[in-house]
Amino acid sequence: MKLQSDPHSGAHTITGYGDGYVEINQIAYSHAVLLRSDGEILAWPVASFDDLASAHFADMAILKPELILIGTGKRQRFPRPELLKTLIDAKIGFEVMDSQAACRTYNILVGEGRQVLLALIVEAP
């Protein structure tokens, strides 16, 4: 699916997604990413939902976003509560959804000027 972006906003946006890829600023990525609206696009060392570990959430907390959207792949799956403890202790809000919904929500929040971090699992087709 292709999404529209505002090239004048200066923010990273999701411009498309599908099986096995996410497109950020019209560049396709076939691996998991951490994406801040105003920062770097970072490779996220998570190949699948089952790979999630406490350290992945601690890495997100260091970035101190206003809100974290966690895209868990093709379907919504909830991480074990002990994995989320770092985010809860840091009082960082988070939402868990399937990766396509996370992409759409990210673009909406970026359009509102929110400081959001997208943690997106990209599953192989």
PDB file of N, CA and C in Angstrom:
ATOM      1  N   MET A   1       0.837  -1.162   0.000  1.00  0.00           N
ATOM      2  CA  MET A   1       0.000   0.000   0.000  1.00  0.00           C
ATOM      3  C   MET A   1       0.891   1.238   0.000  1.00  0.00           C
ATOM      4  N   LYS A   2       0.547   2.212  -0.803  1.00  0.00           N
ATOM      5  CA  LYS A   2       1.265   3.482  -0.857  1.00  0.00           C
ATOM      6  C   LYS A   2       0.560   4.489   0.040  1.00  0.00           C
ATOM      7  N   LEU A   3       1.340   5.320   0.705  1.00  0.00           N
ATOM      8  CA  LEU A   3       0.805   6.378   1.547  1.00  0.00           C
ATOM      9  C   LEU A   3       1.354   7.706   1.067  1.00  0.00           C
ATOM     10  N   GLN A   4       0.615   8.760   1.290  1.00  0.00           N
ATOM     11  CA  GLN A   4       1.062  10.100   0.926  1.00  0.00           C
ATOM     12  C   GLN A   4       1.936  10.659   2.033  1.00  0.00           C
ATOM     13  N   SER A   5       2.942  11.440   1.661  1.00  0.00           N
ATOM     14  CA  SER A   5       3.768  12.113   2.656  1.00  0.00           C
ATOM     15  C   SER A   5       3.856  13.580   2.308  1.00  0.00           C
ATOM     16  N   ASP A   6       4.209  14.383   3.269  1.00  0.00           N
ATOM     17  CA  ASP A   6       4.395  15.813   3.075  1.00  0.00           C
ATOM     18  C   ASP A   6       5.887  16.062   2.995  1.00  0.00           C
ATOM     19  N   PRO A   7       6.443  16.273   1.788  1.00  0.00           N
ATOM     20  CA  PRO A   7       7.890  16.419   1.651  1.00  0.00           C
ATOM     21  C   PRO A   7       8.429  17.690   2.291  1.00  0.00           C
ATOM     22  N   HIS A   8       7.557  18.607   2.656  1.00  0.00           N
ATOM     23  CA  HIS A   8       7.992  19.882   3.229  1.00  0.00           C
ATOM     24  C   HIS A   8       8.024  19.868   4.756  1.00  0.00           C
ATOM     25  N   SER A   9       7.528  18.794   5.369  1.00  0.00           N
ATOM     26  CA  SER A   9       7.449  18.764   6.829  1.00  0.00           C
ATOM     27  C   SER A   9       8.803  18.507   7.481  1.00  0.00           C
ATOM     28  N   GLY A  10       9.727  17.854   6.773  1.00  0.00           N
ATOM     29  CA  GLY A  10      11.031  17.531   7.336  1.00  0.00           C
ATOM     30  C   GLY A  10      11.019  16.301   8.211  1.00  0.00           C
ATOM     31  N   ALA A  11       9.854  15.725   8.470  1.00  0.00           N
ATOM     32  CA  ALA A  11       9.742  14.545   9.323  1.00  0.00           C
ATOM     33  C   ALA A  11       9.819  13.284   8.469  1.00  0.00           C
ATOM     34  N   HIS A  12      10.365  12.228   9.063  1.00  0.00           N
ATOM     35  CA  HIS A  12      10.334  10.923   8.400  1.00  0.00           C
ATOM     36  C   HIS A  12       8.886  10.454   8.353  1.00  0.00           C
ATOM     37  N   THR A  13       8.474   9.919   7.217  1.00  0.00           N
ATOM     38  CA  THR A  13       7.133   9.361   7.109  1.00  0.00           C
ATOM     39  C   THR A  13       7.186   8.011   6.423  1.00  0.00           C
ATOM     40  N   ILE A  14       6.159   7.216   6.689  1.00  0.00           N
ATOM     41  CA  ILE A  14       5.994   5.934   6.023  1.00  0.00           C
ATOM     42  C   ILE A  14       5.293   6.232   4.701  1.00  0.00           C
ATOM     43  N   THR A  15       5.917   5.866   3.604  1.00  0.00           N
ATOM     44  CA  THR A  15       5.331   6.128   2.291  1.00  0.00           C
ATOM     45  C   THR A  15       4.760   4.872   1.644  1.00  0.00           C
ATOM     46  N   GLY A  16       4.972   3.716   2.245  1.00  0.00           N
ATOM     47  CA  GLY A  16       4.387   2.484   1.754  1.00  0.00           C
ATOM     48  C   GLY A  16       4.760   1.311   2.634  1.00  0.00           C
ATOM     49  N   TYR A  17       4.004   0.228   2.518  1.00  0.00           N
ATOM     50  CA  TYR A  17       4.325  -0.986   3.250  1.00  0.00           C
ATOM     51  C   TYR A  17       3.641  -2.159   2.577  1.00  0.00           C
ATOM     52  N   GLY A  18       4.142  -3.336   2.868  1.00  0.00           N
ATOM     53  CA  GLY A  18       3.558  -4.556   2.329  1.00  0.00           C
ATOM     54  C   GLY A  18       4.294  -5.752   2.894  1.00  0.00           C
ATOM     55  N   ASP A  19       4.032  -6.922   2.330  1.00  0.00           N
ATOM     56  CA  ASP A  19       4.689  -8.143   2.814  1.00  0.00           C
ATOM     57  C   ASP A  19       6.197  -8.023   2.653  1.00  0.00           C
ATOM     58  N   GLY A  20       6.907  -8.049   3.755  1.00  0.00           N
ATOM     59  CA  GLY A  20       8.362  -8.083   3.737  1.00  0.00           C
ATOM     60  C   GLY A  20       9.064  -6.749   3.592  1.00  0.00           C
ATOM     61  N   TYR A  21       8.346  -5.634   3.627  1.00  0.00           N
ATOM     62  CA  TYR A  21       9.034  -4.342   3.526  1.00  0.00           C
ATOM     63  C   TYR A  21       8.207  -3.218   4.150  1.00  0.00           C
ATOM     64  N   VAL A  22       8.915  -2.159   4.486  1.00  0.00           N
ATOM     65  CA  VAL A  22       8.308  -0.882   4.844  1.00  0.00           C
ATOM     66  C   VAL A  22       9.071   0.168   4.050  1.00  0.00           C
ATOM     67  N   GLU A  23       8.379   1.163   3.559  1.00  0.00           N
ATOM     68  CA  GLU A  23       9.012   2.217   2.780  1.00  0.00           C
ATOM     69  C   GLU A  23       8.973   3.502   3.596  1.00  0.00           C
ATOM     70  N   ILE A  24      10.157   4.048   3.879  1.00  0.00           N
ATOM     71  CA  ILE A  24      10.289   5.275   4.669  1.00  0.00           C
ATOM     72  C   ILE A  24      10.914   6.324   3.765  1.00  0.00           C
ATOM     73  N   ASN A  25      10.221   7.443   3.608  1.00  0.00           N
ATOM     74  CA  ASN A  25      10.706   8.506   2.717  1.00  0.00           C
ATOM     75  C   ASN A  25      11.031   7.948   1.331  1.00  0.00           C
ATOM     76  N   GLN A  26      10.213   7.026   0.863  1.00  0.00           N
ATOM     77  CA  GLN A  26      10.308   6.399  -0.454  1.00  0.00           C
ATOM     78  C   GLN A  26      11.537   5.487  -0.618  1.00  0.00           C
ATOM     79  N   ILE A  27      12.107   5.034   0.491  1.00  0.00           N
ATOM     80  CA  ILE A  27      13.207   4.061   0.467  1.00  0.00           C
ATOM     81  C   ILE A  27      12.715   2.803   1.185  1.00  0.00           C
ATOM     82  N   ALA A  28      12.822   1.659   0.520  1.00  0.00           N
ATOM     83  CA  ALA A  28      12.323   0.404   1.079  1.00  0.00           C
ATOM     84  C   ALA A  28      13.329  -0.219   2.044  1.00  0.00           C
ATOM     85  N   TYR A  29      12.812  -0.760   3.150  1.00  0.00           N
ATOM     86  CA  TYR A  29      13.602  -1.483   4.149  1.00  0.00           C
ATOM     87  C   TYR A  29      12.948  -2.845   4.326  1.00  0.00           C
ATOM     88  N   SER A  30      13.773  -3.900   4.351  1.00  0.00           N
ATOM     89  CA  SER A  30      13.243  -5.256   4.511  1.00  0.00           C
ATOM     90  C   SER A  30      13.605  -5.846   5.870  1.00  0.00           C
ATOM     91  N   HIS A  31      13.953  -4.984   6.814  1.00  0.00           N
ATOM     92  CA  HIS A  31      14.296  -5.415   8.174  1.00  0.00           C
ATOM     93  C   HIS A  31      13.575  -4.524   9.179  1.00  0.00           C
ATOM     94  N   ALA A  32      13.571  -4.959  10.412  1.00  0.00           N
ATOM     95  CA  ALA A  32      12.936  -4.190  11.478  1.00  0.00           C
ATOM     96  C   ALA A  32      13.654  -2.856  11.653  1.00  0.00           C
ATOM     97  N   VAL A  33      12.886  -1.822  12.004  1.00  0.00           N
ATOM     98  CA  VAL A  33      13.453  -0.485  12.169  1.00  0.00           C
ATOM     99  C   VAL A  33      12.920   0.183  13.429  1.00  0.00           C
ATOM    100  N   LEU A  34      13.739   1.082  13.957  1.00  0.00           N
ATOM    101  CA  LEU A  34      13.309   2.059  14.946  1.00  0.00           C
ATOM    102  C   LEU A  34      13.306   3.386  14.201  1.00  0.00           C
ATOM    103  N   LEU A  35      12.192   4.071  14.234  1.00  0.00           N
ATOM    104  CA  LEU A  35      12.038   5.292  13.454  1.00  0.00           C
ATOM    105  C   LEU A  35      11.490   6.403  14.327  1.00  0.00           C
ATOM    106  N   ARG A  36      12.272   7.470  14.445  1.00  0.00           N
ATOM    107  CA  ARG A  36      11.805   8.677  15.134  1.00  0.00           C
ATOM    108  C   ARG A  36      11.402   9.686  14.086  1.00  0.00           C
ATOM    109  N   SER A  37      10.394  10.443  14.383  1.00  0.00           N
ATOM    110  CA  SER A  37       9.928  11.427  13.420  1.00  0.00           C
ATOM    111  C   SER A  37      11.014  12.448  13.104  1.00  0.00           C
ATOM    112  N   ASP A  38      11.921  12.698  14.027  1.00  0.00           N
ATOM    113  CA  ASP A  38      12.925  13.752  13.839  1.00  0.00           C
ATOM    114  C   ASP A  38      14.365  13.245  13.944  1.00  0.00           C
ATOM    115  N   GLY A  39      14.547  11.946  13.874  1.00  0.00           N
ATOM    116  CA  GLY A  39      15.891  11.415  14.072  1.00  0.00           C
ATOM    117  C   GLY A  39      16.267  10.395  13.028  1.00  0.00           C
ATOM    118  N   GLU A  40      17.228   9.582  13.381  1.00  0.00           N
ATOM    119  CA  GLU A  40      17.737   8.565  12.474  1.00  0.00           C
ATOM    120  C   GLU A  40      16.740   7.432  12.259  1.00  0.00           C
ATOM    121  N   ILE A  41      16.927   6.748  11.155  1.00  0.00           N
ATOM    122  CA  ILE A  41      16.244   5.489  10.904  1.00  0.00           C
ATOM    123  C   ILE A  41      17.248   4.414  11.295  1.00  0.00           C
ATOM    124  N   LEU A  42      16.960   3.701  12.362  1.00  0.00           N
ATOM    125  CA  LEU A  42      17.902   2.722  12.896  1.00  0.00           C
ATOM    126  C   LEU A  42      17.465   1.298  12.591  1.00  0.00           C
ATOM    127  N   ALA A  43      18.402   0.461  12.193  1.00  0.00           N
ATOM    128  CA  ALA A  43      18.112  -0.968  12.078  1.00  0.00           C
ATOM    129  C   ALA A  43      17.837  -1.484  13.490  1.00  0.00           C
ATOM    130  N   TRP A  44      16.797  -2.270  13.637  1.00  0.00           N
ATOM    131  CA  TRP A  44      16.412  -2.813  14.939  1.00  0.00           C
ATOM    132  C   TRP A  44      16.660  -4.316  14.868  1.00  0.00           C
ATOM    133  N   PRO A  45      17.513  -4.856  15.724  1.00  0.00           N
ATOM    134  CA  PRO A  45      17.897  -6.273  15.611  1.00  0.00           C
ATOM    135  C   PRO A  45      16.825  -7.244  16.105  1.00  0.00           C
ATOM    136  N   VAL A  46      15.649  -7.151  15.497  1.00  0.00           N
ATOM    137  CA  VAL A  46      14.530  -8.023  15.860  1.00  0.00           C
ATOM    138  C   VAL A  46      14.002  -8.640  14.568  1.00  0.00           C
ATOM    139  N   ALA A  47      14.222  -9.928  14.373  1.00  0.00           N
ATOM    140  CA  ALA A  47      13.773 -10.588  13.147  1.00  0.00           C
ATOM    141  C   ALA A  47      12.311 -11.015  13.234  1.00  0.00           C
ATOM    142  N   SER A  48      11.845 -11.261  14.470  1.00  0.00           N
ATOM    143  CA  SER A  48      10.462 -11.686  14.654  1.00  0.00           C
ATOM    144  C   SER A  48       9.994 -11.298  16.048  1.00  0.00           C
ATOM    145  N   PHE A  49       8.705 -11.385  16.259  1.00  0.00           N
ATOM    146  CA  PHE A  49       8.132 -11.055  17.564  1.00  0.00           C
ATOM    147  C   PHE A  49       8.781 -11.874  18.676  1.00  0.00           C
ATOM    148  N   ASP A  50       9.057 -13.134  18.404  1.00  0.00           N
ATOM    149  CA  ASP A  50       9.625 -14.022  19.421  1.00  0.00           C
ATOM    150  C   ASP A  50      11.037 -13.622  19.838  1.00  0.00           C
ATOM    151  N   ASP A  51      11.695 -12.772  19.057  1.00  0.00           N
ATOM    152  CA  ASP A  51      13.044 -12.296  19.390  1.00  0.00           C
ATOM    153  C   ASP A  51      13.048 -11.159  20.405  1.00  0.00           C
ATOM    154  N   LEU A  52      11.899 -10.568  20.696  1.00  0.00           N
ATOM    155  CA  LEU A  52      11.866  -9.414  21.594  1.00  0.00           C
ATOM    156  C   LEU A  52      12.423  -9.763  22.971  1.00  0.00           C
ATOM    157  N   ALA A  53      13.272  -8.857  23.477  1.00  0.00           N
ATOM    158  CA  ALA A  53      13.899  -9.034  24.795  1.00  0.00           C
ATOM    159  C   ALA A  53      13.866  -7.703  25.535  1.00  0.00           C
ATOM    160  N   SER A  54      14.080  -7.746  26.825  1.00  0.00           N
ATOM    161  CA  SER A  54      14.075  -6.531  27.653  1.00  0.00           C
ATOM    162  C   SER A  54      15.025  -5.465  27.122  1.00  0.00           C
ATOM    163  N   ALA A  55      16.165  -5.875  26.615  1.00  0.00           N
ATOM    164  CA  ALA A  55      17.151  -4.916  26.107  1.00  0.00           C
ATOM    165  C   ALA A  55      16.598  -4.091  24.953  1.00  0.00           C
ATOM    166  N   HIS A  56      15.733  -4.667  24.126  1.00  0.00           N
ATOM    167  CA  HIS A  56      15.146  -3.917  23.015  1.00  0.00           C
ATOM    168  C   HIS A  56      14.299  -2.762  23.541  1.00  0.00           C
ATOM    169  N   PHE A  57      13.580  -2.990  24.616  1.00  0.00           N
ATOM    170  CA  PHE A  57      12.728  -1.949  25.184  1.00  0.00           C
ATOM    171  C   PHE A  57      13.563  -0.919  25.951  1.00  0.00           C
ATOM    172  N   ALA A  58      14.639  -1.362  26.565  1.00  0.00           N
ATOM    173  CA  ALA A  58      15.555  -0.427  27.228  1.00  0.00           C
ATOM    174  C   ALA A  58      16.186   0.512  26.210  1.00  0.00           C
ATOM    175  N   ASP A  59      16.543  -0.010  25.036  1.00  0.00           N
ATOM    176  CA  ASP A  59      17.094   0.829  23.965  1.00  0.00           C
ATOM    177  C   ASP A  59      16.091   1.896  23.532  1.00  0.00           C
ATOM    178  N   MET A  60      14.820   1.533  23.461  1.00  0.00           N
ATOM    179  CA  MET A  60      13.785   2.500  23.092  1.00  0.00           C
ATOM    180  C   MET A  60      13.643   3.584  24.149  1.00  0.00           C
ATOM    181  N   ALA A  61      13.688   3.188  25.417  1.00  0.00           N
ATOM    182  CA  ALA A  61      13.514   4.148  26.510  1.00  0.00           C
ATOM    183  C   ALA A  61      14.620   5.203  26.510  1.00  0.00           C
ATOM    184  N   ILE A  62      15.830   4.811  26.118  1.00  0.00           N
ATOM    185  CA  ILE A  62      16.957   5.750  26.066  1.00  0.00           C
ATOM    186  C   ILE A  62      16.666   6.907  25.119  1.00  0.00           C
ATOM    187  N   LEU A  63      15.877   6.664  24.083  1.00  0.00           N
ATOM    188  CA  LEU A  63      15.561   7.690  23.095  1.00  0.00           C
ATOM    189  C   LEU A  63      14.544   8.718  23.617  1.00  0.00           C
ATOM    190  N   LYS A  64      13.888   8.429  24.731  1.00  0.00           N
ATOM    191  CA  LYS A  64      12.947   9.318  25.424  1.00  0.00           C
ATOM    192  C   LYS A  64      11.869   9.923  24.522  1.00  0.00           C
ATOM    193  N   PRO A  65      11.137   9.069  23.807  1.00  0.00           N
ATOM    194  CA  PRO A  65      10.044   9.605  22.999  1.00  0.00           C
ATOM    195  C   PRO A  65       8.831   9.933  23.865  1.00  0.00           C
ATOM    196  N   GLU A  66       7.929  10.689  23.306  1.00  0.00           N
ATOM    197  CA  GLU A  66       6.657  10.975  23.964  1.00  0.00           C
ATOM    198  C   GLU A  66       5.790   9.714  23.994  1.00  0.00           C
ATOM    199  N   LEU A  67       5.846   8.958  22.904  1.00  0.00           N
ATOM    200  CA  LEU A  67       5.021   7.766  22.744  1.00  0.00           C
ATOM    201  C   LEU A  67       5.755   6.772  21.841  1.00  0.00           C
ATOM    202  N   ILE A  68       5.589   5.485  22.121  1.00  0.00           N
ATOM    203  CA  ILE A  68       6.173   4.440  21.282  1.00  0.00           C
ATOM    204  C   ILE A  68       5.045   3.618  20.677  1.00  0.00           C
ATOM    205  N   LEU A  69       5.114   3.443  19.359  1.00  0.00           N
ATOM    206  CA  LEU A  69       4.212   2.533  18.660  1.00  0.00           C
ATOM    207  C   LEU A  69       5.005   1.277  18.346  1.00  0.00           C
ATOM    208  N   ILE A  70       4.504   0.140  18.773  1.00  0.00           N
ATOM    209  CA  ILE A  70       5.193  -1.129  18.558  1.00  0.00           C
ATOM    210  C   ILE A  70       4.399  -1.930  17.539  1.00  0.00           C
ATOM    211  N   GLY A  71       4.971  -2.066  16.350  1.00  0.00           N
ATOM    212  CA  GLY A  71       4.348  -2.858  15.287  1.00  0.00           C
ATOM    213  C   GLY A  71       4.872  -4.271  15.356  1.00  0.00           C
ATOM    214  N   THR A  72       3.996  -5.231  15.658  1.00  0.00           N
ATOM    215  CA  THR A  72       4.418  -6.597  15.969  1.00  0.00           C
ATOM    216  C   THR A  72       4.369  -7.562  14.780  1.00  0.00           C
ATOM    217  N   GLY A  73       4.335  -7.042  13.581  1.00  0.00           N
ATOM    218  CA  GLY A  73       4.310  -7.915  12.409  1.00  0.00           C
ATOM    219  C   GLY A  73       2.929  -7.971  11.798  1.00  0.00           C
ATOM    220  N   LYS A  74       2.623  -9.090  11.158  1.00  0.00           N
ATOM    221  CA  LYS A  74       1.364  -9.221  10.419  1.00  0.00           C
ATOM    222  C   LYS A  74       0.139  -9.230  11.318  1.00  0.00           C
ATOM    223  N   ARG A  75       0.332  -9.612  12.571  1.00  0.00           N
ATOM    224  CA  ARG A  75      -0.807  -9.602  13.504  1.00  0.00           C
ATOM    225  C   ARG A  75      -0.388  -8.967  14.823  1.00  0.00           C
ATOM    226  N   GLN A  76      -1.368  -8.466  15.520  1.00  0.00           N
ATOM    227  CA  GLN A  76      -1.119  -7.839  16.814  1.00  0.00           C
ATOM    228  C   GLN A  76      -0.833  -8.919  17.850  1.00  0.00           C
ATOM    229  N   ARG A  77       0.302  -8.746  18.523  1.00  0.00           N
ATOM    230  CA  ARG A  77       0.689  -9.652  19.607  1.00  0.00           C
ATOM    231  C   ARG A  77       1.236  -8.786  20.725  1.00  0.00           C
ATOM    232  N   PHE A  78       0.970  -9.154  21.948  1.00  0.00           N
ATOM    233  CA  PHE A  78       1.388  -8.340  23.083  1.00  0.00           C
ATOM    234  C   PHE A  78       2.635  -8.926  23.754  1.00  0.00           C
ATOM    235  N   PRO A  79       3.676  -8.089  23.908  1.00  0.00           N
ATOM    236  CA  PRO A  79       4.884  -8.547  24.611  1.00  0.00           C
ATOM    237  C   PRO A  79       4.555  -8.894  26.068  1.00  0.00           C
ATOM    238  N   ARG A  80       5.322  -9.795  26.618  1.00  0.00           N
ATOM    239  CA  ARG A  80       5.166 -10.144  28.033  1.00  0.00           C
ATOM    240  C   ARG A  80       5.377  -8.898  28.891  1.00  0.00           C
ATOM    241  N   PRO A  81       4.617  -8.724  29.953  1.00  0.00           N
ATOM    242  CA  PRO A  81       4.718  -7.523  30.784  1.00  0.00           C
ATOM    243  C   PRO A  81       6.130  -7.226  31.301  1.00  0.00           C
ATOM    244  N   GLU A  82       6.904  -8.258  31.619  1.00  0.00           N
ATOM    245  CA  GLU A  82       8.246  -8.008  32.141  1.00  0.00           C
ATOM    246  C   GLU A  82       9.149  -7.351  31.091  1.00  0.00           C
ATOM    247  N   LEU A  83       8.854  -7.549  29.817  1.00  0.00           N
ATOM    248  CA  LEU A  83       9.633  -6.891  28.768  1.00  0.00           C
ATOM    249  C   LEU A  83       9.350  -5.392  28.710  1.00  0.00           C
ATOM    250  N   LEU A  84       8.147  -5.016  29.081  1.00  0.00           N
ATOM    251  CA  LEU A  84       7.720  -3.620  29.004  1.00  0.00           C
ATOM    252  C   LEU A  84       8.060  -2.814  30.250  1.00  0.00           C
ATOM    253  N   LYS A  85       8.618  -3.453  31.266  1.00  0.00           N
ATOM    254  CA  LYS A  85       8.879  -2.794  32.550  1.00  0.00           C
ATOM    255  C   LYS A  85       9.710  -1.524  32.412  1.00  0.00           C
ATOM    256  N   THR A  86      10.721  -1.531  31.563  1.00  0.00           N
ATOM    257  CA  THR A  86      11.563  -0.351  31.380  1.00  0.00           C
ATOM    258  C   THR A  86      10.737   0.838  30.909  1.00  0.00           C
ATOM    259  N   LEU A  87       9.825   0.613  29.967  1.00  0.00           N
ATOM    260  CA  LEU A  87       8.985   1.695  29.462  1.00  0.00           C
ATOM    261  C   LEU A  87       8.021   2.190  30.535  1.00  0.00           C
ATOM    262  N   ILE A  88       7.456   1.259  31.272  1.00  0.00           N
ATOM    263  CA  ILE A  88       6.526   1.632  32.346  1.00  0.00           C
ATOM    264  C   ILE A  88       7.252   2.429  33.414  1.00  0.00           C
ATOM    265  N   ASP A  89       8.429   1.971  33.828  1.00  0.00           N
ATOM    266  CA  ASP A  89       9.208   2.684  34.852  1.00  0.00           C
ATOM    267  C   ASP A  89       9.616   4.078  34.387  1.00  0.00           C
ATOM    268  N   ALA A  90       9.873   4.238  33.079  1.00  0.00           N
ATOM    269  CA  ALA A  90      10.277   5.535  32.529  1.00  0.00           C
ATOM    270  C   ALA A  90       9.065   6.422  32.224  1.00  0.00           C
ATOM    271  N   LYS A  91       7.862   5.896  32.465  1.00  0.00           N
ATOM    272  CA  LYS A  91       6.625   6.618  32.203  1.00  0.00           C
ATOM    273  C   LYS A  91       6.501   7.050  30.740  1.00  0.00           C
ATOM    274  N   ILE A  92       6.879   6.135  29.852  1.00  0.00           N
ATOM    275  CA  ILE A  92       6.755   6.356  28.414  1.00  0.00           C
ATOM    276  C   ILE A  92       5.548   5.561  27.931  1.00  0.00           C
ATOM    277  N   GLY A  93       4.617   6.258  27.325  1.00  0.00           N
ATOM    278  CA  GLY A  93       3.428   5.602  26.798  1.00  0.00           C
ATOM    279  C   GLY A  93       3.770   4.744  25.596  1.00  0.00           C
ATOM    280  N   PHE A  94       3.014   3.668  25.406  1.00  0.00           N
ATOM    281  CA  PHE A  94       3.233   2.797  24.260  1.00  0.00           C
ATOM    282  C   PHE A  94       1.919   2.185  23.831  1.00  0.00           C
ATOM    283  N   GLU A  95       1.836   1.867  22.561  1.00  0.00           N
ATOM    284  CA  GLU A  95       0.697   1.166  21.983  1.00  0.00           C
ATOM    285  C   GLU A  95       1.247   0.005  21.172  1.00  0.00           C
ATOM    286  N   VAL A  96       0.577  -1.127  21.231  1.00  0.00           N
ATOM    287  CA  VAL A  96       0.980  -2.320  20.507  1.00  0.00           C
ATOM    288  C   VAL A  96      -0.087  -2.614  19.456  1.00  0.00           C
ATOM    289  N   MET A  97       0.349  -2.799  18.211  1.00  0.00           N
ATOM    290  CA  MET A  97      -0.592  -3.086  17.128  1.00  0.00           C
ATOM    291  C   MET A  97       0.125  -3.839  16.017  1.00  0.00           C
ATOM    292  N   ASP A  98      -0.624  -4.320  15.039  1.00  0.00           N
ATOM    293  CA  ASP A  98       0.051  -4.954  13.911  1.00  0.00           C
ATOM    294  C   ASP A  98       0.853  -3.885  13.171  1.00  0.00           C
ATOM    295  N   SER A  99       1.831  -4.306  12.389  1.00  0.00           N
ATOM    296  CA  SER A  99       2.763  -3.353  11.783  1.00  0.00           C
ATOM    297  C   SER A  99       2.091  -2.393  10.800  1.00  0.00           C
ATOM    298  N   GLN A 100       1.111  -2.842  10.042  1.00  0.00           N
ATOM    299  CA  GLN A 100       0.442  -1.938   9.115  1.00  0.00           C
ATOM    300  C   GLN A 100      -0.325  -0.853   9.859  1.00  0.00           C
ATOM    301  N   ALA A 101      -1.026  -1.213  10.921  1.00  0.00           N
ATOM    302  CA  ALA A 101      -1.735  -0.220  11.724  1.00  0.00           C
ATOM    303  C   ALA A 101      -0.750   0.739  12.381  1.00  0.00           C
ATOM    304  N   ALA A 102       0.388   0.220  12.811  1.00  0.00           N
ATOM    305  CA  ALA A 102       1.410   1.070  13.430  1.00  0.00           C
ATOM    306  C   ALA A 102       1.937   2.097  12.430  1.00  0.00           C
ATOM    307  N   CYS A 103       2.120   1.693  11.180  1.00  0.00           N
ATOM    308  CA  CYS A 103       2.581   2.630  10.144  1.00  0.00           C
ATOM    309  C   CYS A 103       1.577   3.753   9.933  1.00  0.00           C
ATOM    310  N   ARG A 104       0.310   3.398   9.808  1.00  0.00           N
ATOM    311  CA  ARG A 104      -0.726   4.420   9.605  1.00  0.00           C
ATOM    312  C   ARG A 104      -0.806   5.364  10.798  1.00  0.00           C
ATOM    313  N   THR A 105      -0.778   4.808  12.001  1.00  0.00           N
ATOM    314  CA  THR A 105      -0.875   5.621  13.212  1.00  0.00           C
ATOM    315  C   THR A 105       0.332   6.535  13.360  1.00  0.00           C
ATOM    316  N   TYR A 106       1.508   6.016  13.043  1.00  0.00           N
ATOM    317  CA  TYR A 106       2.732   6.821  13.085  1.00  0.00           C
ATOM    318  C   TYR A 106       2.581   8.061  12.206  1.00  0.00           C
ATOM    319  N   ASN A 107       2.134   7.879  10.970  1.00  0.00           N
ATOM    320  CA  ASN A 107       1.990   9.024  10.065  1.00  0.00           C
ATOM    321  C   ASN A 107       0.998  10.055  10.595  1.00  0.00           C
ATOM    322  N   ILE A 108      -0.075   9.595  11.188  1.00  0.00           N
ATOM    323  CA  ILE A 108      -1.063  10.524  11.757  1.00  0.00           C
ATOM    324  C   ILE A 108      -0.432  11.330  12.881  1.00  0.00           C
ATOM    325  N   LEU A 109       0.277  10.657  13.790  1.00  0.00           N
ATOM    326  CA  LEU A 109       0.882  11.349  14.926  1.00  0.00           C
ATOM    327  C   LEU A 109       1.987  12.303  14.488  1.00  0.00           C
ATOM    328  N   VAL A 110       2.769  11.908  13.494  1.00  0.00           N
ATOM    329  CA  VAL A 110       3.811  12.793  12.961  1.00  0.00           C
ATOM    330  C   VAL A 110       3.162  14.041  12.362  1.00  0.00           C
ATOM    331  N   GLY A 111       2.043  13.844  11.669  1.00  0.00           N
ATOM    332  CA  GLY A 111       1.318  14.968  11.093  1.00  0.00           C
ATOM    333  C   GLY A 111       0.813  15.943  12.138  1.00  0.00           C
ATOM    334  N   GLU A 112       0.601  15.451  13.348  1.00  0.00           N
ATOM    335  CA  GLU A 112       0.173  16.302  14.465  1.00  0.00           C
ATOM    336  C   GLU A 112       1.358  16.924  15.198  1.00  0.00           C
ATOM    337  N   GLY A 113       2.578  16.617  14.746  1.00  0.00           N
ATOM    338  CA  GLY A 113       3.768  17.172  15.380  1.00  0.00           C
ATOM    339  C   GLY A 113       4.203  16.452  16.643  1.00  0.00           C
ATOM    340  N   ARG A 114       3.718  15.249  16.876  1.00  0.00           N
ATOM    341  CA  ARG A 114       4.068  14.483  18.077  1.00  0.00           C
ATOM    342  C   ARG A 114       5.458  13.882  17.942  1.00  0.00           C
ATOM    343  N   GLN A 115       6.151  13.730  19.049  1.00  0.00           N
ATOM    344  CA  GLN A 115       7.465  13.089  19.100  1.00  0.00           C
ATOM    345  C   GLN A 115       7.239  11.610  19.363  1.00  0.00           C
ATOM    346  N   VAL A 116       7.144  10.863  18.298  1.00  0.00           N
ATOM    347  CA  VAL A 116       6.784   9.451  18.384  1.00  0.00           C
ATOM    348  C   VAL A 116       7.931   8.592  17.868  1.00  0.00           C
ATOM    349  N   LEU A 117       8.058   7.419  18.457  1.00  0.00           N
ATOM    350  CA  LEU A 117       9.033   6.430  18.025  1.00  0.00           C
ATOM    351  C   LEU A 117       8.250   5.221  17.522  1.00  0.00           C
ATOM    352  N   LEU A 118       8.582   4.781  16.325  1.00  0.00           N
ATOM    353  CA  LEU A 118       7.980   3.579  15.756  1.00  0.00           C
ATOM    354  C   LEU A 118       8.992   2.447  15.858  1.00  0.00           C
ATOM    355  N   ALA A 119       8.627   1.390  16.557  1.00  0.00           N
ATOM    356  CA  ALA A 119       9.432   0.171  16.643  1.00  0.00           C
ATOM    357  C   ALA A 119       8.699  -0.862  15.805  1.00  0.00           C
ATOM    358  N   LEU A 120       9.225  -1.145  14.625  1.00  0.00           N
ATOM    359  CA  LEU A 120       8.472  -1.884  13.631  1.00  0.00           C
ATOM    360  C   LEU A 120       9.163  -3.196  13.251  1.00  0.00           C
ATOM    361  N   ILE A 121       8.463  -4.291  13.460  1.00  0.00           N
ATOM    362  CA  ILE A 121       8.925  -5.598  13.014  1.00  0.00           C
ATOM    363  C   ILE A 121       8.441  -5.789  11.584  1.00  0.00           C
ATOM    364  N   VAL A 122       9.360  -6.088  10.682  1.00  0.00           N
ATOM    365  CA  VAL A 122       9.028  -6.350   9.275  1.00  0.00           C
ATOM    366  C   VAL A 122       9.249  -7.842   9.047  1.00  0.00           C
ATOM    367  N   GLU A 123       8.165  -8.561   8.872  1.00  0.00           N
ATOM    368  CA  GLU A 123       8.265 -10.014   8.693  1.00  0.00           C
ATOM    369  C   GLU A 123       8.469 -10.362   7.228  1.00  0.00           C
ATOM    370  N   ALA A 124       9.233 -11.404   6.997  1.00  0.00           N
ATOM    371  CA  ALA A 124       9.445 -11.893   5.641  1.00  0.00           C
ATOM    372  C   ALA A 124       8.106 -12.367   5.067  1.00  0.00           C
ATOM    373  N   PRO A 125       7.924 -12.215   3.762  1.00  0.00           N
ATOM    374  CA  PRO A 125       6.640 -12.651   3.144  1.00  0.00           C
ATOM    375  C   PRO A 125       6.479 -14.157   3.196  1.00  0.00           C
TER     376      PRO A 125
END
